[in-house]
Amino acid sequence: MRVPQLLGAGAGSVASSVPLAAGQPAPLSRRQLLSGLALLGAGAAATGAAGAVVTGISTKPSTAPIAAPVAAAALVLSAPRVRIEAVGRQPGVLPPVDRPFAARGQLNDPNGAVAGSFAITPVPGAAGALQLHTFELEGGTLLGMGAASAGEGTFAVIGGTGRYRGATGSYTLRLSEDGSGRHASAEFNFHLAGE
C-alpha cells in the first residue's frame, strides 16, 4: 500500500508515496513535527512556571504557628459575668433559666487567666430548650449542643477547629445567678476525647 505524503512546507511541495505496513500510523510531515515540538515545549514551560508558583506558595513559612491537636483531657472553664439576652426580658432582671435565652461572656481558666469567650444560641423548634454553644479558645474553637433545665445540663461536643479539630466528648454547664437576680455566672466542665 502506498500513501501520499507531503514532504515540503510550501504549496508547491512535491507529493511522494511512502510504503506503509498495515496497522501503522502515517509518518508526520516536517510541519506537523515542528508544530508538535513547539506545543510540547510551551506545555513544559507552562508546567514549570506553574510548579514554581505552587512551590513558592507551599514553601512560604506560615505567619502563625499551628497549635498541636488537643489530647484527651479534662478542662474546667468559668465565666464570672454572663451577659444574658432574652426576648421580653425586663432590664436589670434575669429571665427564668427554663426559657430560651442567648448568652455570652469571657471565659477564665482555673487560675483566673482569660482563656477565651463563649456564646450560647437558642435553637428553635426543640421545645425551646436546645442550645448551641460556641467556645472561642486559644488555638481553635469548640462547638457543643444540648439542652439545659433550670440552668444546668450536659452537652455533647459536636465539633471543633484548629487544635480542637476531631475532638469529641461532653461537658456540663451550671448557670447560677447572684442573690440580687441581676447577674449570672457559668461553669463549664469538659471531658474531651482527642482525635
N, C-alpha and C. Protein backbone atom coordinates (compact mmCIF):
# COMPACT_ATOMS: atom_id res chain seq x y z
N MET A 1 0.85 -1.18 0.00
CA MET A 1 0.00 0.00 0.00
C MET A 1 0.89 1.24 0.00
N ARG A 2 0.55 2.23 -0.81
CA ARG A 2 1.34 3.44 -0.90
C ARG A 2 0.44 4.62 -0.54
N VAL A 3 0.91 5.52 0.38
CA VAL A 3 0.12 6.66 0.84
C VAL A 3 0.83 7.93 0.46
N PRO A 4 0.15 8.89 -0.15
CA PRO A 4 0.82 10.14 -0.50
C PRO A 4 1.16 10.94 0.75
N GLN A 5 2.32 11.53 0.81
CA GLN A 5 2.78 12.32 1.95
C GLN A 5 3.33 13.64 1.45
N LEU A 6 3.13 14.69 2.26
CA LEU A 6 3.73 15.98 1.95
C LEU A 6 5.07 16.07 2.63
N LEU A 7 6.13 16.24 1.88
CA LEU A 7 7.45 16.32 2.46
C LEU A 7 7.93 17.75 2.54
N GLY A 8 7.37 18.63 1.78
CA GLY A 8 7.78 20.03 1.80
C GLY A 8 6.86 20.85 2.66
N ALA A 9 7.21 22.17 2.80
CA ALA A 9 6.42 23.04 3.64
C ALA A 9 5.61 24.03 2.82
N GLY A 10 5.77 24.10 1.51
CA GLY A 10 5.07 25.10 0.72
C GLY A 10 3.95 24.50 -0.09
N ALA A 11 3.24 25.43 -0.79
CA ALA A 11 2.13 24.97 -1.61
C ALA A 11 2.64 24.20 -2.81
N GLY A 12 3.86 24.49 -3.23
CA GLY A 12 4.39 23.81 -4.39
C GLY A 12 5.20 22.58 -4.04
N SER A 13 5.03 22.04 -2.85
CA SER A 13 5.80 20.87 -2.46
C SER A 13 5.37 19.67 -3.27
N VAL A 14 6.30 18.75 -3.41
CA VAL A 14 6.07 17.57 -4.24
C VAL A 14 5.52 16.45 -3.38
N ALA A 15 4.47 15.83 -3.85
CA ALA A 15 3.89 14.69 -3.13
C ALA A 15 4.64 13.45 -3.53
N SER A 16 4.94 12.61 -2.60
CA SER A 16 5.59 11.34 -2.91
C SER A 16 4.84 10.24 -2.20
N SER A 17 5.14 9.04 -2.54
CA SER A 17 4.50 7.89 -1.93
C SER A 17 5.49 7.19 -1.03
N VAL A 18 5.02 6.83 0.18
CA VAL A 18 5.86 6.14 1.12
C VAL A 18 5.18 4.83 1.46
N PRO A 19 5.86 3.71 1.38
CA PRO A 19 5.21 2.45 1.69
C PRO A 19 4.96 2.35 3.20
N LEU A 20 3.78 1.89 3.58
CA LEU A 20 3.40 1.69 4.98
C LEU A 20 2.95 0.26 5.19
N ALA A 21 3.30 -0.26 6.33
CA ALA A 21 2.79 -1.58 6.68
C ALA A 21 1.39 -1.41 7.24
N ALA A 22 0.55 -2.38 7.08
CA ALA A 22 -0.82 -2.32 7.58
C ALA A 22 -0.81 -2.15 9.10
N GLY A 23 -1.67 -1.25 9.62
CA GLY A 23 -1.80 -1.04 11.06
C GLY A 23 -0.85 0.00 11.62
N GLN A 24 0.08 0.54 10.84
CA GLN A 24 1.00 1.56 11.32
C GLN A 24 0.45 2.94 10.98
N PRO A 25 0.64 3.93 11.89
CA PRO A 25 0.19 5.28 11.57
C PRO A 25 1.05 5.90 10.49
N ALA A 26 0.47 6.86 9.79
CA ALA A 26 1.20 7.54 8.73
C ALA A 26 2.29 8.40 9.34
N PRO A 27 3.45 8.52 8.71
CA PRO A 27 4.51 9.36 9.24
C PRO A 27 4.08 10.84 9.22
N LEU A 28 4.65 11.62 10.11
CA LEU A 28 4.31 13.04 10.23
C LEU A 28 5.12 13.86 9.24
N SER A 29 4.51 14.96 8.78
CA SER A 29 5.25 15.88 7.92
C SER A 29 6.17 16.72 8.81
N ARG A 30 7.09 17.43 8.19
CA ARG A 30 8.02 18.27 8.92
C ARG A 30 7.25 19.36 9.67
N ARG A 31 6.23 19.95 9.04
CA ARG A 31 5.42 21.00 9.67
C ARG A 31 4.70 20.43 10.90
N GLN A 32 4.11 19.26 10.77
CA GLN A 32 3.41 18.65 11.90
C GLN A 32 4.38 18.35 13.04
N LEU A 33 5.56 17.85 12.68
CA LEU A 33 6.55 17.53 13.70
C LEU A 33 7.03 18.78 14.43
N LEU A 34 7.34 19.85 13.71
CA LEU A 34 7.79 21.09 14.34
C LEU A 34 6.68 21.73 15.19
N SER A 35 5.44 21.69 14.69
CA SER A 35 4.32 22.24 15.46
C SER A 35 4.13 21.47 16.77
N GLY A 36 4.23 20.16 16.68
CA GLY A 36 4.09 19.32 17.88
C GLY A 36 5.19 19.59 18.90
N LEU A 37 6.44 19.74 18.42
CA LEU A 37 7.55 20.05 19.33
C LEU A 37 7.37 21.42 19.98
N ALA A 38 6.88 22.40 19.22
CA ALA A 38 6.64 23.73 19.78
C ALA A 38 5.58 23.68 20.87
N LEU A 39 4.50 22.94 20.62
CA LEU A 39 3.45 22.80 21.63
C LEU A 39 3.96 22.07 22.86
N LEU A 40 4.75 21.05 22.66
CA LEU A 40 5.32 20.30 23.78
C LEU A 40 6.23 21.19 24.62
N GLY A 41 7.06 22.01 23.98
CA GLY A 41 7.94 22.93 24.69
C GLY A 41 7.14 23.98 25.46
N ALA A 42 6.08 24.53 24.86
CA ALA A 42 5.25 25.53 25.53
C ALA A 42 4.56 24.90 26.74
N GLY A 43 4.08 23.68 26.59
CA GLY A 43 3.43 22.99 27.72
C GLY A 43 4.40 22.74 28.85
N ALA A 44 5.62 22.35 28.53
CA ALA A 44 6.62 22.11 29.58
C ALA A 44 6.99 23.40 30.29
N ALA A 45 7.10 24.50 29.54
CA ALA A 45 7.42 25.79 30.15
C ALA A 45 6.30 26.24 31.08
N ALA A 46 5.05 26.07 30.63
CA ALA A 46 3.91 26.45 31.47
C ALA A 46 3.86 25.60 32.72
N THR A 47 4.12 24.31 32.60
CA THR A 47 4.11 23.43 33.76
C THR A 47 5.22 23.83 34.73
N GLY A 48 6.38 24.16 34.21
CA GLY A 48 7.49 24.58 35.07
C GLY A 48 7.15 25.87 35.80
N ALA A 49 6.52 26.82 35.11
CA ALA A 49 6.15 28.09 35.75
C ALA A 49 5.10 27.84 36.82
N ALA A 50 4.11 27.00 36.49
CA ALA A 50 3.07 26.71 37.48
C ALA A 50 3.68 25.98 38.69
N GLY A 51 4.61 25.08 38.42
CA GLY A 51 5.27 24.37 39.52
C GLY A 51 6.05 25.32 40.40
N ALA A 52 6.69 26.33 39.79
CA ALA A 52 7.45 27.31 40.59
C ALA A 52 6.51 28.12 41.45
N VAL A 53 5.33 28.48 40.92
CA VAL A 53 4.36 29.26 41.70
C VAL A 53 3.86 28.42 42.87
N VAL A 54 3.47 27.17 42.59
CA VAL A 54 2.97 26.31 43.66
C VAL A 54 4.06 26.05 44.69
N THR A 55 5.27 25.78 44.22
CA THR A 55 6.37 25.54 45.15
C THR A 55 6.63 26.77 45.99
N GLY A 56 6.56 27.97 45.38
CA GLY A 56 6.77 29.20 46.13
C GLY A 56 5.72 29.38 47.21
N ILE A 57 4.48 29.02 46.92
CA ILE A 57 3.41 29.17 47.91
C ILE A 57 3.57 28.14 49.02
N SER A 58 3.83 26.89 48.64
CA SER A 58 3.86 25.83 49.64
C SER A 58 5.07 25.91 50.56
N THR A 59 6.16 26.54 50.09
CA THR A 59 7.33 26.61 50.95
C THR A 59 7.38 27.90 51.76
N LYS A 60 6.44 28.79 51.53
CA LYS A 60 6.41 30.05 52.28
C LYS A 60 6.07 29.74 53.74
N PRO A 61 6.84 30.25 54.69
CA PRO A 61 6.57 29.94 56.09
C PRO A 61 5.26 30.57 56.55
N SER A 62 4.56 29.86 57.39
CA SER A 62 3.30 30.34 57.95
C SER A 62 3.58 31.45 58.95
N THR A 63 2.71 32.46 58.98
CA THR A 63 2.92 33.57 59.91
C THR A 63 2.50 33.20 61.32
N ALA A 64 1.53 32.30 61.46
CA ALA A 64 1.07 31.91 62.79
C ALA A 64 1.39 30.43 63.01
N PRO A 65 1.98 30.09 64.14
CA PRO A 65 2.25 28.68 64.39
C PRO A 65 0.96 27.90 64.59
N ILE A 66 0.96 26.65 64.15
CA ILE A 66 -0.21 25.80 64.28
C ILE A 66 -0.11 25.05 65.60
N ALA A 67 -1.16 25.16 66.40
CA ALA A 67 -1.17 24.50 67.71
C ALA A 67 -1.34 23.00 67.53
N ALA A 68 -0.77 22.24 68.45
CA ALA A 68 -0.91 20.78 68.42
C ALA A 68 -2.35 20.40 68.73
N PRO A 69 -2.85 19.30 68.13
CA PRO A 69 -4.21 18.88 68.41
C PRO A 69 -4.41 18.59 69.89
N VAL A 70 -5.63 18.78 70.34
CA VAL A 70 -5.93 18.53 71.75
C VAL A 70 -5.93 17.02 72.01
N ALA A 71 -5.39 16.64 73.14
CA ALA A 71 -5.43 15.24 73.56
C ALA A 71 -6.61 15.07 74.51
N ALA A 72 -6.92 13.84 74.86
CA ALA A 72 -7.98 13.60 75.82
C ALA A 72 -7.64 14.34 77.11
N ALA A 73 -8.61 15.12 77.60
CA ALA A 73 -8.31 15.95 78.76
C ALA A 73 -9.58 16.39 79.45
N ALA A 74 -9.42 16.78 80.70
CA ALA A 74 -10.48 17.45 81.44
C ALA A 74 -10.15 18.93 81.44
N LEU A 75 -11.15 19.75 81.26
CA LEU A 75 -10.94 21.19 81.14
C LEU A 75 -12.07 21.87 81.89
N VAL A 76 -11.73 22.76 82.81
CA VAL A 76 -12.74 23.50 83.56
C VAL A 76 -12.58 24.97 83.22
N LEU A 77 -13.65 25.58 82.74
CA LEU A 77 -13.66 27.00 82.41
C LEU A 77 -14.82 27.67 83.12
N SER A 78 -14.62 28.90 83.53
CA SER A 78 -15.69 29.62 84.21
C SER A 78 -15.90 30.98 83.57
N ALA A 79 -17.11 31.47 83.70
CA ALA A 79 -17.46 32.81 83.21
C ALA A 79 -18.05 33.56 84.40
N PRO A 80 -17.25 34.42 85.04
CA PRO A 80 -17.74 35.10 86.23
C PRO A 80 -18.88 36.08 85.96
N ARG A 81 -18.97 36.57 84.75
CA ARG A 81 -20.04 37.53 84.42
C ARG A 81 -20.61 37.14 83.06
N VAL A 82 -21.86 36.71 83.04
CA VAL A 82 -22.52 36.27 81.81
C VAL A 82 -23.54 37.32 81.39
N ARG A 83 -23.48 37.70 80.15
CA ARG A 83 -24.49 38.63 79.62
C ARG A 83 -25.59 37.80 78.98
N ILE A 84 -26.79 37.89 79.53
CA ILE A 84 -27.93 37.11 79.05
C ILE A 84 -28.86 38.03 78.25
N GLU A 85 -29.29 37.51 77.10
CA GLU A 85 -30.21 38.24 76.24
C GLU A 85 -31.42 37.36 75.98
N ALA A 86 -32.61 37.89 76.25
CA ALA A 86 -33.84 37.13 76.02
C ALA A 86 -34.94 38.08 75.58
N VAL A 87 -35.84 37.57 74.75
CA VAL A 87 -36.96 38.37 74.28
C VAL A 87 -37.89 38.64 75.46
N GLY A 88 -38.32 39.87 75.62
CA GLY A 88 -39.26 40.22 76.68
C GLY A 88 -38.64 40.33 78.06
N ARG A 89 -37.34 40.33 78.12
CA ARG A 89 -36.64 40.42 79.40
C ARG A 89 -36.78 41.82 79.99
N GLN A 90 -37.01 41.90 81.28
CA GLN A 90 -37.06 43.19 81.95
C GLN A 90 -35.64 43.65 82.23
N PRO A 91 -35.35 44.92 81.97
CA PRO A 91 -34.00 45.41 82.24
C PRO A 91 -33.61 45.22 83.70
N GLY A 92 -32.42 44.71 83.92
CA GLY A 92 -31.92 44.51 85.28
C GLY A 92 -32.40 43.25 85.97
N VAL A 93 -33.22 42.44 85.29
CA VAL A 93 -33.73 41.20 85.89
C VAL A 93 -33.42 40.04 84.94
N LEU A 94 -32.88 38.96 85.46
CA LEU A 94 -32.58 37.79 84.63
C LEU A 94 -33.87 37.07 84.25
N PRO A 95 -33.94 36.55 83.02
CA PRO A 95 -35.13 35.78 82.64
C PRO A 95 -35.10 34.42 83.34
N PRO A 96 -36.24 33.76 83.44
CA PRO A 96 -36.23 32.40 84.02
C PRO A 96 -35.29 31.50 83.21
N VAL A 97 -34.49 30.68 83.88
CA VAL A 97 -33.49 29.87 83.19
C VAL A 97 -34.09 28.73 82.38
N ASP A 98 -35.39 28.46 82.54
CA ASP A 98 -36.00 27.40 81.75
C ASP A 98 -36.62 27.94 80.46
N ARG A 99 -36.44 29.22 80.16
CA ARG A 99 -36.92 29.82 78.92
C ARG A 99 -35.75 29.99 77.95
N PRO A 100 -36.03 30.02 76.63
CA PRO A 100 -34.93 30.20 75.67
C PRO A 100 -34.23 31.54 75.89
N PHE A 101 -32.92 31.51 75.85
CA PHE A 101 -32.14 32.74 76.00
C PHE A 101 -30.83 32.60 75.25
N ALA A 102 -30.24 33.73 74.95
CA ALA A 102 -28.89 33.77 74.38
C ALA A 102 -27.98 34.35 75.45
N ALA A 103 -26.74 33.96 75.44
CA ALA A 103 -25.79 34.47 76.43
C ALA A 103 -24.41 34.51 75.83
N ARG A 104 -23.57 35.33 76.43
CA ARG A 104 -22.17 35.40 76.02
C ARG A 104 -21.35 35.93 77.18
N GLY A 105 -20.05 35.67 77.10
CA GLY A 105 -19.19 36.14 78.16
C GLY A 105 -17.75 35.72 77.95
N GLN A 106 -16.92 36.19 78.84
CA GLN A 106 -15.48 35.87 78.83
C GLN A 106 -15.27 34.60 79.65
N LEU A 107 -14.35 33.75 79.17
CA LEU A 107 -14.02 32.52 79.88
C LEU A 107 -12.68 32.66 80.59
N ASN A 108 -12.61 32.13 81.80
CA ASN A 108 -11.36 32.11 82.57
C ASN A 108 -10.98 30.67 82.85
N ASP A 109 -9.66 30.41 82.95
CA ASP A 109 -9.20 29.09 83.35
C ASP A 109 -9.25 28.99 84.89
N PRO A 110 -8.92 27.83 85.46
CA PRO A 110 -8.99 27.68 86.92
C PRO A 110 -8.10 28.66 87.69
N ASN A 111 -7.05 29.21 87.05
CA ASN A 111 -6.18 30.19 87.71
C ASN A 111 -6.69 31.62 87.58
N GLY A 112 -7.80 31.81 86.88
CA GLY A 112 -8.36 33.14 86.71
C GLY A 112 -7.88 33.88 85.48
N ALA A 113 -6.98 33.27 84.70
CA ALA A 113 -6.49 33.92 83.48
C ALA A 113 -7.54 33.80 82.37
N VAL A 114 -7.58 34.79 81.50
CA VAL A 114 -8.54 34.78 80.39
C VAL A 114 -8.18 33.64 79.44
N ALA A 115 -9.20 32.79 79.13
CA ALA A 115 -8.98 31.64 78.26
C ALA A 115 -9.71 31.77 76.93
N GLY A 116 -10.59 32.75 76.81
CA GLY A 116 -11.34 32.92 75.58
C GLY A 116 -12.71 33.52 75.86
N SER A 117 -13.66 33.19 74.99
CA SER A 117 -15.02 33.67 75.16
C SER A 117 -16.00 32.59 74.72
N PHE A 118 -17.27 32.77 75.07
CA PHE A 118 -18.28 31.80 74.67
C PHE A 118 -19.55 32.53 74.27
N ALA A 119 -20.40 31.83 73.54
CA ALA A 119 -21.72 32.33 73.17
C ALA A 119 -22.70 31.17 73.22
N ILE A 120 -23.89 31.42 73.74
CA ILE A 120 -24.98 30.44 73.77
C ILE A 120 -26.06 30.97 72.84
N THR A 121 -26.51 30.12 71.92
CA THR A 121 -27.56 30.49 70.97
C THR A 121 -28.71 29.50 71.10
N PRO A 122 -29.94 29.97 71.36
CA PRO A 122 -31.07 29.04 71.41
C PRO A 122 -31.38 28.51 70.02
N VAL A 123 -31.75 27.24 69.94
CA VAL A 123 -32.11 26.62 68.67
C VAL A 123 -33.61 26.42 68.67
N PRO A 124 -34.35 27.11 67.80
CA PRO A 124 -35.81 27.00 67.82
C PRO A 124 -36.29 25.64 67.35
N GLY A 125 -37.48 25.26 67.82
CA GLY A 125 -38.12 24.04 67.34
C GLY A 125 -37.93 22.83 68.23
N ALA A 126 -37.18 22.92 69.30
CA ALA A 126 -36.96 21.76 70.17
C ALA A 126 -37.53 22.06 71.56
N ALA A 127 -38.80 22.44 71.61
CA ALA A 127 -39.48 22.79 72.86
C ALA A 127 -38.78 23.95 73.56
N GLY A 128 -38.00 24.71 72.79
CA GLY A 128 -37.35 25.89 73.33
C GLY A 128 -36.17 25.63 74.23
N ALA A 129 -35.71 24.39 74.37
CA ALA A 129 -34.65 24.09 75.33
C ALA A 129 -33.29 23.82 74.69
N LEU A 130 -33.26 23.49 73.41
CA LEU A 130 -31.99 23.12 72.77
C LEU A 130 -31.12 24.35 72.58
N GLN A 131 -29.81 24.19 72.83
CA GLN A 131 -28.86 25.30 72.73
C GLN A 131 -27.62 24.89 71.95
N LEU A 132 -27.08 25.85 71.21
CA LEU A 132 -25.81 25.68 70.53
C LEU A 132 -24.80 26.56 71.26
N HIS A 133 -23.66 25.97 71.66
CA HIS A 133 -22.61 26.71 72.38
C HIS A 133 -21.38 26.81 71.50
N THR A 134 -20.79 28.00 71.46
CA THR A 134 -19.56 28.24 70.71
C THR A 134 -18.50 28.75 71.69
N PHE A 135 -17.37 28.06 71.75
CA PHE A 135 -16.27 28.43 72.65
C PHE A 135 -15.07 28.84 71.80
N GLU A 136 -14.73 30.12 71.83
CA GLU A 136 -13.55 30.64 71.12
C GLU A 136 -12.38 30.59 72.09
N LEU A 137 -11.48 29.63 71.87
CA LEU A 137 -10.36 29.41 72.77
C LEU A 137 -9.04 29.62 72.04
N GLU A 138 -7.95 29.68 72.78
CA GLU A 138 -6.65 29.81 72.15
C GLU A 138 -6.35 28.57 71.32
N GLY A 139 -6.07 28.75 70.06
CA GLY A 139 -5.73 27.63 69.19
C GLY A 139 -6.90 27.02 68.46
N GLY A 140 -8.14 27.51 68.69
CA GLY A 140 -9.27 26.94 67.96
C GLY A 140 -10.60 27.20 68.63
N THR A 141 -11.62 26.59 68.06
CA THR A 141 -13.00 26.75 68.51
C THR A 141 -13.59 25.40 68.82
N LEU A 142 -14.39 25.34 69.87
CA LEU A 142 -15.17 24.15 70.21
C LEU A 142 -16.64 24.46 70.03
N LEU A 143 -17.41 23.50 69.53
CA LEU A 143 -18.86 23.63 69.40
C LEU A 143 -19.53 22.55 70.23
N GLY A 144 -20.60 22.94 70.93
CA GLY A 144 -21.37 21.98 71.72
C GLY A 144 -22.85 22.20 71.54
N MET A 145 -23.63 21.15 71.82
CA MET A 145 -25.08 21.26 71.69
C MET A 145 -25.74 20.35 72.70
N GLY A 146 -26.89 20.80 73.18
CA GLY A 146 -27.67 20.01 74.13
C GLY A 146 -28.79 20.83 74.70
N ALA A 147 -29.38 20.33 75.78
CA ALA A 147 -30.49 21.01 76.43
C ALA A 147 -30.17 21.23 77.89
N ALA A 148 -30.67 22.34 78.42
CA ALA A 148 -30.47 22.65 79.84
C ALA A 148 -31.82 22.76 80.51
N SER A 149 -31.84 22.42 81.77
CA SER A 149 -33.05 22.56 82.57
C SER A 149 -32.66 23.25 83.87
N ALA A 150 -33.37 24.32 84.21
CA ALA A 150 -33.09 25.09 85.42
C ALA A 150 -31.64 25.53 85.49
N GLY A 151 -31.05 25.88 84.32
CA GLY A 151 -29.70 26.40 84.28
C GLY A 151 -28.60 25.37 84.34
N GLU A 152 -28.95 24.09 84.26
CA GLU A 152 -27.92 23.03 84.27
C GLU A 152 -28.21 22.05 83.15
N GLY A 153 -27.15 21.44 82.65
CA GLY A 153 -27.33 20.44 81.62
C GLY A 153 -26.02 19.81 81.21
N THR A 154 -26.14 18.69 80.50
CA THR A 154 -24.98 18.01 79.93
C THR A 154 -25.08 18.15 78.42
N PHE A 155 -23.97 18.54 77.82
CA PHE A 155 -23.94 18.85 76.40
C PHE A 155 -22.90 17.98 75.69
N ALA A 156 -23.12 17.76 74.40
CA ALA A 156 -22.18 16.99 73.58
C ALA A 156 -21.26 17.93 72.83
N VAL A 157 -19.98 17.59 72.75
CA VAL A 157 -19.04 18.32 71.89
C VAL A 157 -19.30 17.80 70.48
N ILE A 158 -19.73 18.69 69.59
CA ILE A 158 -20.12 18.26 68.25
C ILE A 158 -19.11 18.63 67.17
N GLY A 159 -18.05 19.32 67.53
CA GLY A 159 -17.05 19.66 66.54
C GLY A 159 -16.07 20.68 67.06
N GLY A 160 -15.10 20.99 66.23
CA GLY A 160 -14.10 21.97 66.61
C GLY A 160 -13.22 22.32 65.44
N THR A 161 -12.44 23.38 65.62
CA THR A 161 -11.49 23.80 64.60
C THR A 161 -10.12 23.96 65.25
N GLY A 162 -9.09 24.11 64.43
CA GLY A 162 -7.74 24.31 64.95
C GLY A 162 -7.29 23.12 65.79
N ARG A 163 -6.77 23.38 66.98
CA ARG A 163 -6.28 22.29 67.81
C ARG A 163 -7.40 21.42 68.35
N TYR A 164 -8.66 21.87 68.21
CA TYR A 164 -9.81 21.09 68.67
C TYR A 164 -10.47 20.31 67.55
N ARG A 165 -9.86 20.31 66.37
CA ARG A 165 -10.41 19.54 65.25
C ARG A 165 -10.39 18.06 65.62
N GLY A 166 -11.51 17.41 65.46
CA GLY A 166 -11.61 15.99 65.76
C GLY A 166 -11.93 15.70 67.21
N ALA A 167 -12.02 16.72 68.06
CA ALA A 167 -12.33 16.48 69.47
C ALA A 167 -13.79 16.07 69.63
N THR A 168 -14.01 15.15 70.53
CA THR A 168 -15.36 14.73 70.89
C THR A 168 -15.43 14.69 72.40
N GLY A 169 -16.57 14.38 72.91
CA GLY A 169 -16.73 14.28 74.35
C GLY A 169 -17.99 14.98 74.81
N SER A 170 -17.99 15.39 76.07
CA SER A 170 -19.15 16.06 76.63
C SER A 170 -18.70 17.06 77.68
N TYR A 171 -19.63 17.87 78.14
CA TYR A 171 -19.34 18.83 79.20
C TYR A 171 -20.64 19.18 79.91
N THR A 172 -20.49 19.65 81.12
CA THR A 172 -21.66 20.09 81.88
C THR A 172 -21.63 21.61 82.00
N LEU A 173 -22.80 22.17 82.12
CA LEU A 173 -22.96 23.61 82.31
C LEU A 173 -23.74 23.82 83.60
N ARG A 174 -23.26 24.72 84.41
CA ARG A 174 -24.01 25.16 85.58
C ARG A 174 -24.07 26.67 85.51
N LEU A 175 -25.29 27.19 85.32
CA LEU A 175 -25.52 28.63 85.26
C LEU A 175 -26.16 29.06 86.56
N SER A 176 -25.58 30.01 87.26
CA SER A 176 -26.14 30.47 88.53
C SER A 176 -26.24 31.98 88.56
N GLU A 177 -27.17 32.47 89.33
CA GLU A 177 -27.31 33.92 89.47
C GLU A 177 -26.99 34.32 90.89
N ASP A 178 -26.59 35.57 91.03
CA ASP A 178 -26.25 36.05 92.38
C ASP A 178 -27.54 36.34 93.16
N GLY A 179 -27.39 36.69 94.40
CA GLY A 179 -28.56 36.91 95.27
C GLY A 179 -29.48 38.02 94.79
N SER A 180 -28.97 38.98 94.04
CA SER A 180 -29.80 40.10 93.58
C SER A 180 -30.65 39.73 92.38
N GLY A 181 -30.34 38.61 91.70
CA GLY A 181 -31.08 38.24 90.49
C GLY A 181 -30.72 39.10 89.31
N ARG A 182 -29.63 39.86 89.40
CA ARG A 182 -29.24 40.76 88.31
C ARG A 182 -28.03 40.27 87.53
N HIS A 183 -27.22 39.39 88.10
CA HIS A 183 -26.01 38.93 87.43
C HIS A 183 -25.96 37.41 87.46
N ALA A 184 -25.36 36.85 86.42
CA ALA A 184 -25.23 35.40 86.34
C ALA A 184 -23.78 35.03 86.10
N SER A 185 -23.42 33.82 86.49
CA SER A 185 -22.10 33.26 86.21
C SER A 185 -22.31 31.85 85.68
N ALA A 186 -21.28 31.30 85.06
CA ALA A 186 -21.39 29.97 84.48
C ALA A 186 -20.10 29.19 84.71
N GLU A 187 -20.25 27.87 84.79
CA GLU A 187 -19.09 26.99 84.87
C GLU A 187 -19.28 25.87 83.86
N PHE A 188 -18.23 25.62 83.07
CA PHE A 188 -18.24 24.57 82.05
C PHE A 188 -17.17 23.55 82.44
N ASN A 189 -17.56 22.30 82.56
CA ASN A 189 -16.64 21.23 82.95
C ASN A 189 -16.56 20.23 81.79
N PHE A 190 -15.46 20.29 81.04
CA PHE A 190 -15.30 19.46 79.82
C PHE A 190 -14.60 18.15 80.11
N HIS A 191 -15.00 17.12 79.38
CA HIS A 191 -14.30 15.83 79.32
C HIS A 191 -14.10 15.57 77.83
N LEU A 192 -12.93 15.96 77.32
CA LEU A 192 -12.66 15.87 75.88
C LEU A 192 -11.93 14.58 75.52
N ALA A 193 -12.27 14.08 74.34
CA ALA A 193 -11.54 12.97 73.76
C ALA A 193 -10.82 13.50 72.54
N GLY A 194 -9.55 13.14 72.34
CA GLY A 194 -8.77 13.66 71.22
C GLY A 194 -9.14 12.97 69.93
N GLU A 195 -8.31 13.24 68.89
CA GLU A 195 -8.54 12.65 67.57
C GLU A 195 -8.38 11.14 67.63
